[in-house]
Amino acid sequence: MVRWRTGTVATLRRQWTGAVELDVDLPDGTRMRALAYPELVGTPEPGDRVLLNAGALLMGLGTGGYALVVALPDRLPPDPPDVADTRDAGHLVKARYTPLQPILLGVDEEASPHRDVLADADDLGGLPVVTADLHSALPAILAGIRADAPPSVSRYATRACGALPAWFSRTLDGLRAELAGTVTVGQAFGGDLEATTLHGGLLAARYVLRADVAIVAQGPGNLGTGTRWGFSGVAVGEAVNAIATLGGKPVGSLRISEADPRPRHRGVSHHSLTAYGRVALAPAELVVPEDLAPPLAAEVHAALVPLATRHRIVRVPTGGLDAALRASAVPLSTMGRGLDADHAYFLAAAAAGRHAVTLLP
């Protein structure tokens, strides 16, 4: 349930596209770190009274380490400009029936300038699409694409789970120069384009953003219960099905680690084995870096044998990928581990990006 707090904005901290970090003084004399999304609540200023949802911060949840600004009750933002027909401003309701549900213009709805392009769109035309279950894989996949792709190749990211507001991600903000754009799908919002479904988001990437390679990954803040089926990354398998249904080329980025302290995530994570092995009913190309250390390589090979009956296991050379990863425009981090602390994880994601480039027409 919600843990409510009220306070006063003391200072503004970091700001990035769509988000403002701030310190809030509480009535009991303590100070709390908070995050505001100006598109939803307006832009906070020192001295503003704020209403906070402090649950994730008080519970010590990892990615959700902020209190979230629910409202500036004494200085509400103005209504959006009036339009003759309210549907001209969009009628996609996301985060539906929550107190902060935004109403947005969908990329393919009637009032969208892209409606004619997408009205009958039904095929990705062989677009390579890399799938990953963690947001932290995104910059590594891009590093692999960048290592081999010609300058004319553009990339795109779409999100389906994890943090609903794309604005939460400093990674996306730091990668803007490398992306053709971002599409937020389903209940997620805040991308350059909004889509109702993953299928629609993929078609928007192909025909609106004109991307050469797409990446499907959840936003930061994946959810898991430590059970076989209780993790939000199960959506990776559903993404493979959507890509194949639309005539794209699914490329699976495997979650591989020799540093994760949890046995279920060492070698090939049970998340990848379940998503690709049980949920993905369409075949994908699952990428393994060629140069894994011998003990890890043997463990990965054994784990993937059952998946090879449906998917193609592709071993990709890794020359130059370490340098590409170290040149990333944003810091690389997964579960608090950087590149050197969990090299295999980032190398596997970069190899998936490299392989996607080989599938370009």
Protein backbone atom coordinates (compact mmCIF):
# COMPACT_ATOMS: atom_id res chain seq x y z
CA MET A 1 0.00 0.00 0.00
CA VAL A 2 1.00 3.66 -0.31
CA ARG A 3 3.11 5.27 2.42
CA TRP A 4 2.20 8.95 2.25
CA ARG A 5 4.38 11.85 3.31
CA THR A 6 4.18 15.63 2.96
CA GLY A 7 7.07 18.05 3.00
CA THR A 8 8.70 21.13 1.56
CA VAL A 9 11.18 21.22 -1.32
CA ALA A 10 14.59 22.14 0.11
CA THR A 11 16.88 21.87 -2.92
CA LEU A 12 16.83 20.75 -6.53
CA ARG A 13 19.49 18.23 -7.51
CA ARG A 14 20.12 16.49 -10.83
CA GLN A 15 17.79 17.03 -13.75
CA TRP A 16 17.47 15.01 -16.95
CA THR A 17 14.88 14.68 -19.69
CA GLY A 18 11.49 14.35 -18.01
CA ALA A 19 12.67 14.15 -14.39
CA VAL A 20 13.89 16.34 -11.51
CA GLU A 21 15.63 15.00 -8.42
CA LEU A 22 15.07 16.96 -5.22
CA ASP A 23 15.50 16.97 -1.44
CA VAL A 24 12.36 17.34 0.64
CA ASP A 25 12.27 18.42 4.29
CA LEU A 26 9.65 16.54 6.31
CA PRO A 27 7.78 17.93 9.33
CA ASP A 28 9.74 15.66 11.70
CA GLY A 29 13.00 17.35 10.69
CA THR A 30 14.29 14.58 8.44
CA ARG A 31 15.15 14.98 4.77
CA MET A 32 14.00 12.67 1.97
CA ARG A 33 15.26 12.21 -1.58
CA ALA A 34 12.45 12.48 -4.11
CA LEU A 35 11.83 12.45 -7.84
CA ALA A 36 9.30 14.50 -9.80
CA TYR A 37 8.06 14.11 -13.36
CA PRO A 38 7.27 17.68 -14.52
CA GLU A 39 5.01 16.46 -17.34
CA LEU A 40 2.73 14.95 -14.69
CA VAL A 41 2.98 17.23 -11.66
CA GLY A 42 4.64 20.44 -12.83
CA THR A 43 8.16 21.67 -12.10
CA PRO A 44 8.98 21.85 -8.38
CA GLU A 45 10.77 24.82 -6.88
CA PRO A 46 12.39 25.33 -3.47
CA GLY A 47 9.72 26.18 -0.94
CA ASP A 48 6.94 24.23 -2.71
CA ARG A 49 4.80 21.98 -0.56
CA VAL A 50 4.82 18.44 -1.99
CA LEU A 51 2.76 15.31 -1.50
CA LEU A 52 4.93 12.18 -1.69
CA ASN A 53 4.49 8.45 -2.18
CA ALA A 54 7.44 7.26 -0.09
CA GLY A 55 6.80 3.50 -0.04
CA ALA A 56 9.65 2.24 -2.25
CA LEU A 57 12.20 4.47 -0.51
CA LEU A 58 11.11 3.49 3.00
CA MET A 59 11.17 -0.20 2.06
CA GLY A 60 14.70 0.10 0.66
CA LEU A 61 13.82 -1.18 -2.80
CA GLY A 62 16.77 -0.98 -5.22
CA THR A 63 15.85 0.95 -8.35
CA GLY A 64 12.90 2.62 -6.66
CA GLY A 65 15.12 4.45 -4.20
CA TYR A 66 13.13 7.67 -4.34
CA ALA A 67 10.01 9.08 -2.83
CA LEU A 68 7.84 10.09 -5.78
CA VAL A 69 6.17 13.46 -6.03
CA VAL A 70 2.42 12.93 -6.41
CA ALA A 71 1.43 16.61 -6.48
CA LEU A 72 2.45 20.20 -5.80
CA PRO A 73 -0.93 20.91 -4.15
CA ASP A 74 -0.46 24.67 -3.87
CA ARG A 75 0.77 25.14 -7.46
CA LEU A 76 -0.94 22.72 -9.81
CA PRO A 77 0.14 22.76 -13.48
CA PRO A 78 -2.34 24.27 -15.98
CA ASP A 79 -4.62 22.14 -18.12
CA PRO A 80 -3.31 21.30 -21.60
CA PRO A 81 -4.43 23.67 -24.37
CA ASP A 82 -8.06 23.32 -25.40
CA VAL A 83 -8.75 21.66 -28.73
CA ALA A 84 -11.98 21.54 -30.71
CA ASP A 85 -12.18 17.77 -30.36
CA THR A 86 -10.55 16.31 -27.27
CA ARG A 87 -9.45 13.29 -29.30
CA ASP A 88 -7.21 15.60 -31.35
CA ALA A 89 -4.97 15.74 -28.28
CA GLY A 90 -4.91 11.95 -27.98
CA HIS A 91 -6.94 9.51 -25.97
CA LEU A 92 -4.44 6.82 -24.96
CA VAL A 93 -4.80 6.48 -21.19
CA LYS A 94 -1.73 4.87 -19.62
CA ALA A 95 -1.07 3.84 -16.03
CA ARG A 96 -4.84 3.43 -16.26
CA TYR A 97 -7.01 4.14 -13.25
CA THR A 98 -4.08 5.16 -11.12
CA PRO A 99 -4.15 8.69 -9.64
CA LEU A 100 -1.60 9.96 -12.17
CA GLN A 101 -2.93 8.40 -15.37
CA PRO A 102 -1.71 10.50 -18.35
CA ILE A 103 -3.78 10.91 -21.51
CA LEU A 104 -1.53 10.82 -24.56
CA LEU A 105 -1.56 10.87 -28.35
CA GLY A 106 -1.00 7.37 -29.70
CA VAL A 107 1.27 7.03 -32.70
CA ASP A 108 -1.42 5.22 -34.71
CA GLU A 109 -4.66 6.84 -33.50
CA GLU A 110 -6.89 9.03 -35.65
CA ALA A 111 -5.34 12.39 -34.74
CA SER A 112 -1.74 11.23 -35.14
CA PRO A 113 0.24 12.57 -38.11
CA HIS A 114 1.45 8.97 -38.55
CA ARG A 115 -2.02 7.44 -38.79
CA ASP A 116 -1.94 6.99 -42.58
CA VAL A 117 1.47 5.32 -42.45
CA LEU A 118 0.44 2.86 -39.75
CA ALA A 119 -3.24 2.23 -40.57
CA ASP A 120 -2.45 -0.80 -42.72
CA ALA A 121 1.10 -1.55 -41.54
CA ASP A 122 1.40 -5.27 -40.87
CA ASP A 123 4.95 -6.42 -41.53
CA LEU A 124 8.39 -5.52 -40.18
CA GLY A 125 10.06 -6.56 -43.42
CA GLY A 126 12.82 -8.55 -41.73
CA LEU A 127 13.77 -5.87 -39.18
CA PRO A 128 16.34 -7.29 -36.73
CA VAL A 129 15.05 -6.87 -33.17
CA VAL A 130 17.19 -7.60 -30.12
CA THR A 131 15.33 -8.66 -26.98
CA ALA A 132 16.65 -8.33 -23.43
CA ASP A 133 15.05 -8.73 -20.02
CA LEU A 134 17.07 -6.09 -18.14
CA HIS A 135 17.28 -2.37 -18.88
CA SER A 136 21.01 -2.52 -18.09
CA ALA A 137 21.57 -4.52 -21.29
CA LEU A 138 20.49 -1.58 -23.48
CA PRO A 139 23.78 0.39 -23.60
CA ALA A 140 25.77 -2.83 -24.06
CA ILE A 141 23.59 -3.92 -26.99
CA LEU A 142 24.06 -0.48 -28.52
CA ALA A 143 27.82 -0.79 -28.04
CA GLY A 144 27.76 -4.03 -30.02
CA ILE A 145 25.72 -2.43 -32.79
CA ARG A 146 28.00 0.59 -32.88
CA ALA A 147 31.11 -1.59 -33.13
CA ASP A 148 30.22 -2.89 -36.60
CA ALA A 149 27.33 -0.87 -38.04
CA PRO A 150 27.87 1.67 -40.81
CA PRO A 151 27.20 5.29 -39.75
CA SER A 152 23.86 5.33 -41.59
CA VAL A 153 22.35 2.66 -39.33
CA SER A 154 19.93 4.04 -36.73
CA ARG A 155 18.72 2.31 -33.62
CA TYR A 156 15.58 2.40 -31.55
CA ALA A 157 14.42 1.17 -28.18
CA THR A 158 11.00 0.16 -27.00
CA ARG A 159 9.93 -0.68 -23.49
CA ALA A 160 7.17 -2.87 -22.17
CA CYS A 161 7.71 -3.47 -18.44
CA GLY A 162 9.75 -2.14 -15.54
CA ALA A 163 9.46 1.57 -14.76
CA LEU A 164 6.37 2.88 -16.54
CA PRO A 165 7.68 6.45 -17.05
CA ALA A 166 10.55 6.41 -19.54
CA TRP A 167 11.66 9.64 -17.88
CA PHE A 168 12.97 7.64 -14.91
CA SER A 169 15.84 6.31 -16.99
CA ARG A 170 19.04 8.36 -17.01
CA THR A 171 20.40 5.68 -19.36
CA LEU A 172 17.85 6.56 -22.05
CA ASP A 173 18.59 10.24 -21.55
CA GLY A 174 22.32 9.66 -22.00
CA LEU A 175 21.82 7.55 -25.13
CA ARG A 176 19.53 9.93 -27.03
CA ALA A 177 22.22 10.78 -29.59
CA GLU A 178 22.56 7.07 -30.45
CA LEU A 179 18.87 6.26 -30.77
CA ALA A 180 16.50 6.91 -33.64
CA GLY A 181 13.89 7.27 -30.91
CA THR A 182 12.08 5.57 -28.06
CA VAL A 183 8.60 4.08 -28.16
CA THR A 184 6.80 3.32 -24.91
CA VAL A 185 4.24 0.56 -25.23
CA GLY A 186 1.44 -0.89 -23.16
CA GLN A 187 1.14 0.92 -19.83
CA ALA A 188 4.59 2.54 -20.17
CA PHE A 189 4.70 6.20 -21.24
CA GLY A 190 7.07 9.11 -21.81
CA GLY A 191 8.80 7.92 -24.99
CA ASP A 192 9.18 9.90 -28.19
CA LEU A 193 6.19 7.92 -29.46
CA GLU A 194 3.37 6.18 -27.60
CA ALA A 195 1.89 2.84 -28.65
CA THR A 196 -0.89 0.71 -27.27
CA THR A 197 0.84 -2.64 -27.82
CA LEU A 198 4.30 -3.98 -28.50
CA HIS A 199 3.14 -4.91 -32.00
CA GLY A 200 2.18 -1.31 -32.67
CA GLY A 201 5.40 -0.05 -31.15
CA LEU A 202 7.50 -2.27 -33.41
CA LEU A 203 5.63 -1.10 -36.48
CA ALA A 204 6.15 2.51 -35.39
CA ALA A 205 9.87 1.82 -35.17
CA ARG A 206 9.91 0.41 -38.67
CA TYR A 207 7.68 2.91 -40.47
CA VAL A 208 7.80 6.11 -38.39
CA LEU A 209 11.31 6.13 -36.92
CA ARG A 210 12.65 4.16 -39.89
CA ALA A 211 15.03 2.31 -37.59
CA ASP A 212 17.44 -0.26 -39.00
CA VAL A 213 17.71 -2.24 -35.76
CA ALA A 214 15.27 -2.32 -32.84
CA ILE A 215 15.77 -3.22 -29.20
CA VAL A 216 12.97 -4.42 -26.94
CA ALA A 217 13.79 -4.17 -23.24
CA GLN A 218 11.90 -3.37 -20.10
CA GLY A 219 12.57 -0.15 -18.26
CA PRO A 220 14.61 -0.02 -15.06
CA GLY A 221 13.07 -1.67 -12.03
CA ASN A 222 12.36 -5.24 -13.10
CA LEU A 223 10.18 -7.17 -10.67
CA GLY A 224 10.97 -10.66 -9.41
CA THR A 225 9.94 -13.01 -6.61
CA GLY A 226 12.74 -15.57 -6.94
CA THR A 227 10.39 -18.12 -8.50
CA ARG A 228 10.39 -19.63 -11.99
CA TRP A 229 7.46 -17.58 -13.26
CA GLY A 230 7.40 -14.57 -10.96
CA PHE A 231 9.54 -12.09 -12.89
CA SER A 232 8.67 -9.29 -15.26
CA GLY A 233 11.32 -10.41 -17.76
CA VAL A 234 8.99 -13.20 -18.88
CA ALA A 235 7.83 -10.55 -21.36
CA VAL A 236 11.01 -11.25 -23.38
CA GLY A 237 9.47 -14.49 -24.64
CA GLU A 238 6.26 -12.69 -25.54
CA ALA A 239 8.35 -10.12 -27.44
CA VAL A 240 9.94 -12.90 -29.53
CA ASN A 241 6.45 -14.07 -30.49
CA ALA A 242 5.37 -10.56 -31.46
CA ILE A 243 8.49 -9.95 -33.56
CA ALA A 244 8.08 -13.22 -35.43
CA THR A 245 4.35 -12.65 -35.95
CA LEU A 246 5.14 -9.36 -37.69
CA GLY A 247 7.90 -10.75 -39.89
CA GLY A 248 10.87 -9.44 -37.91
CA LYS A 249 14.08 -11.28 -36.97
CA PRO A 250 14.24 -11.93 -33.19
CA VAL A 251 17.74 -11.86 -31.69
CA GLY A 252 17.89 -13.01 -28.08
CA SER A 253 20.32 -11.31 -25.73
CA LEU A 254 21.01 -13.90 -23.01
CA ARG A 255 21.48 -12.97 -19.38
CA ILE A 256 24.84 -14.60 -18.64
CA SER A 257 26.89 -14.04 -15.49
CA GLU A 258 29.67 -15.60 -13.46
CA ALA A 259 29.52 -12.86 -10.83
CA ASP A 260 25.89 -12.84 -9.65
CA PRO A 261 25.81 -14.14 -6.07
CA ARG A 262 22.45 -15.86 -6.68
CA PRO A 263 22.88 -19.39 -8.11
CA ARG A 264 19.73 -19.07 -10.25
CA HIS A 265 21.35 -16.24 -12.22
CA ARG A 266 24.84 -17.72 -12.70
CA GLY A 267 25.73 -19.16 -16.08
CA VAL A 268 22.58 -18.57 -18.10
CA SER A 269 19.99 -16.99 -15.81
CA HIS A 270 16.80 -18.91 -15.19
CA HIS A 271 15.06 -15.78 -16.52
CA SER A 272 16.53 -16.37 -19.98
CA LEU A 273 15.93 -20.12 -19.83
CA THR A 274 12.26 -19.64 -18.95
CA ALA A 275 11.53 -16.72 -21.28
CA TYR A 276 13.20 -18.24 -24.34
CA GLY A 277 12.68 -21.88 -23.46
CA ARG A 278 9.06 -21.85 -22.31
CA VAL A 279 7.38 -18.57 -23.35
CA ALA A 280 8.89 -17.91 -26.78
CA LEU A 281 6.98 -20.20 -29.14
CA ALA A 282 8.61 -18.74 -32.25
CA PRO A 283 12.28 -19.40 -33.06
CA ALA A 284 14.90 -16.77 -32.29
CA GLU A 285 18.65 -16.49 -32.72
CA LEU A 286 20.17 -16.75 -29.24
CA VAL A 287 23.61 -15.21 -29.08
CA VAL A 288 26.56 -16.54 -27.07
CA PRO A 289 29.96 -14.76 -27.01
CA GLU A 290 32.70 -17.01 -28.40
CA ASP A 291 35.35 -16.08 -25.87
CA LEU A 292 33.76 -16.89 -22.53
CA ALA A 293 36.09 -18.41 -19.94
CA PRO A 294 36.16 -22.23 -20.28
CA PRO A 295 34.21 -23.10 -17.09
CA LEU A 296 31.49 -20.56 -17.88
CA ALA A 297 31.42 -21.53 -21.57
CA ALA A 298 30.78 -25.17 -20.69
CA GLU A 299 28.03 -24.21 -18.24
CA VAL A 300 26.34 -21.96 -20.81
CA HIS A 301 26.56 -24.62 -23.53
CA ALA A 302 24.94 -27.26 -21.28
CA ALA A 303 22.14 -24.89 -20.25
CA LEU A 304 21.26 -24.03 -23.84
CA VAL A 305 21.10 -27.58 -25.21
CA PRO A 306 17.33 -27.92 -24.54
CA LEU A 307 16.66 -24.52 -26.18
CA ALA A 308 18.44 -25.55 -29.38
CA THR A 309 15.47 -27.66 -30.45
CA ARG A 310 13.51 -24.47 -31.16
CA HIS A 311 16.09 -21.70 -31.41
CA ARG A 312 19.34 -21.25 -33.31
CA ILE A 313 22.32 -20.84 -30.98
CA VAL A 314 24.77 -18.40 -32.57
CA ARG A 315 28.34 -17.99 -31.34
CA VAL A 316 29.64 -14.51 -32.06
CA PRO A 317 33.29 -13.38 -32.03
CA THR A 318 34.03 -10.73 -29.45
CA GLY A 319 37.06 -8.93 -30.87
CA GLY A 320 36.68 -5.20 -30.33
CA LEU A 321 33.60 -5.49 -28.12
CA ASP A 322 35.45 -4.75 -24.88
CA ALA A 323 36.68 -1.46 -26.33
CA ALA A 324 33.19 -0.65 -27.59
CA LEU A 325 31.74 -1.31 -24.13
CA ARG A 326 34.34 0.90 -22.48
CA ALA A 327 33.43 3.69 -24.91
CA SER A 328 29.76 3.60 -23.84
CA ALA A 329 28.16 7.04 -23.56
CA VAL A 330 26.62 6.02 -20.23
CA PRO A 331 27.97 4.02 -17.28
CA LEU A 332 27.49 0.25 -17.48
CA SER A 333 25.94 -1.27 -14.39
CA THR A 334 23.79 -4.29 -13.63
CA MET A 335 22.64 -5.04 -10.09
CA GLY A 336 25.37 -2.69 -8.86
CA ARG A 337 28.13 -4.43 -10.85
CA GLY A 338 30.13 -2.58 -13.48
CA LEU A 339 31.83 -3.87 -16.61
CA ASP A 340 34.87 -5.42 -14.94
CA ALA A 341 32.83 -6.93 -12.11
CA ASP A 342 30.44 -8.78 -14.48
CA HIS A 343 32.18 -8.73 -17.85
CA ALA A 344 30.34 -11.76 -19.25
CA TYR A 345 26.95 -10.11 -18.78
CA PHE A 346 27.81 -7.04 -20.81
CA LEU A 347 29.81 -9.00 -23.38
CA ALA A 348 26.77 -11.23 -24.06
CA ALA A 349 24.55 -8.20 -24.63
CA ALA A 350 27.11 -6.54 -26.91
CA ALA A 351 27.47 -9.77 -28.91
CA ALA A 352 23.70 -9.75 -29.50
CA GLY A 353 23.95 -6.24 -30.87
CA ARG A 354 26.86 -7.24 -33.11
CA HIS A 355 24.90 -10.20 -34.47
CA ALA A 356 21.85 -8.05 -35.22
CA VAL A 357 23.99 -5.96 -37.59
CA THR A 358 24.82 -9.08 -39.61
CA LEU A 359 21.08 -9.54 -40.28
CA LEU A 360 20.67 -6.19 -41.99
CA PRO A 361 19.62 -6.51 -45.64
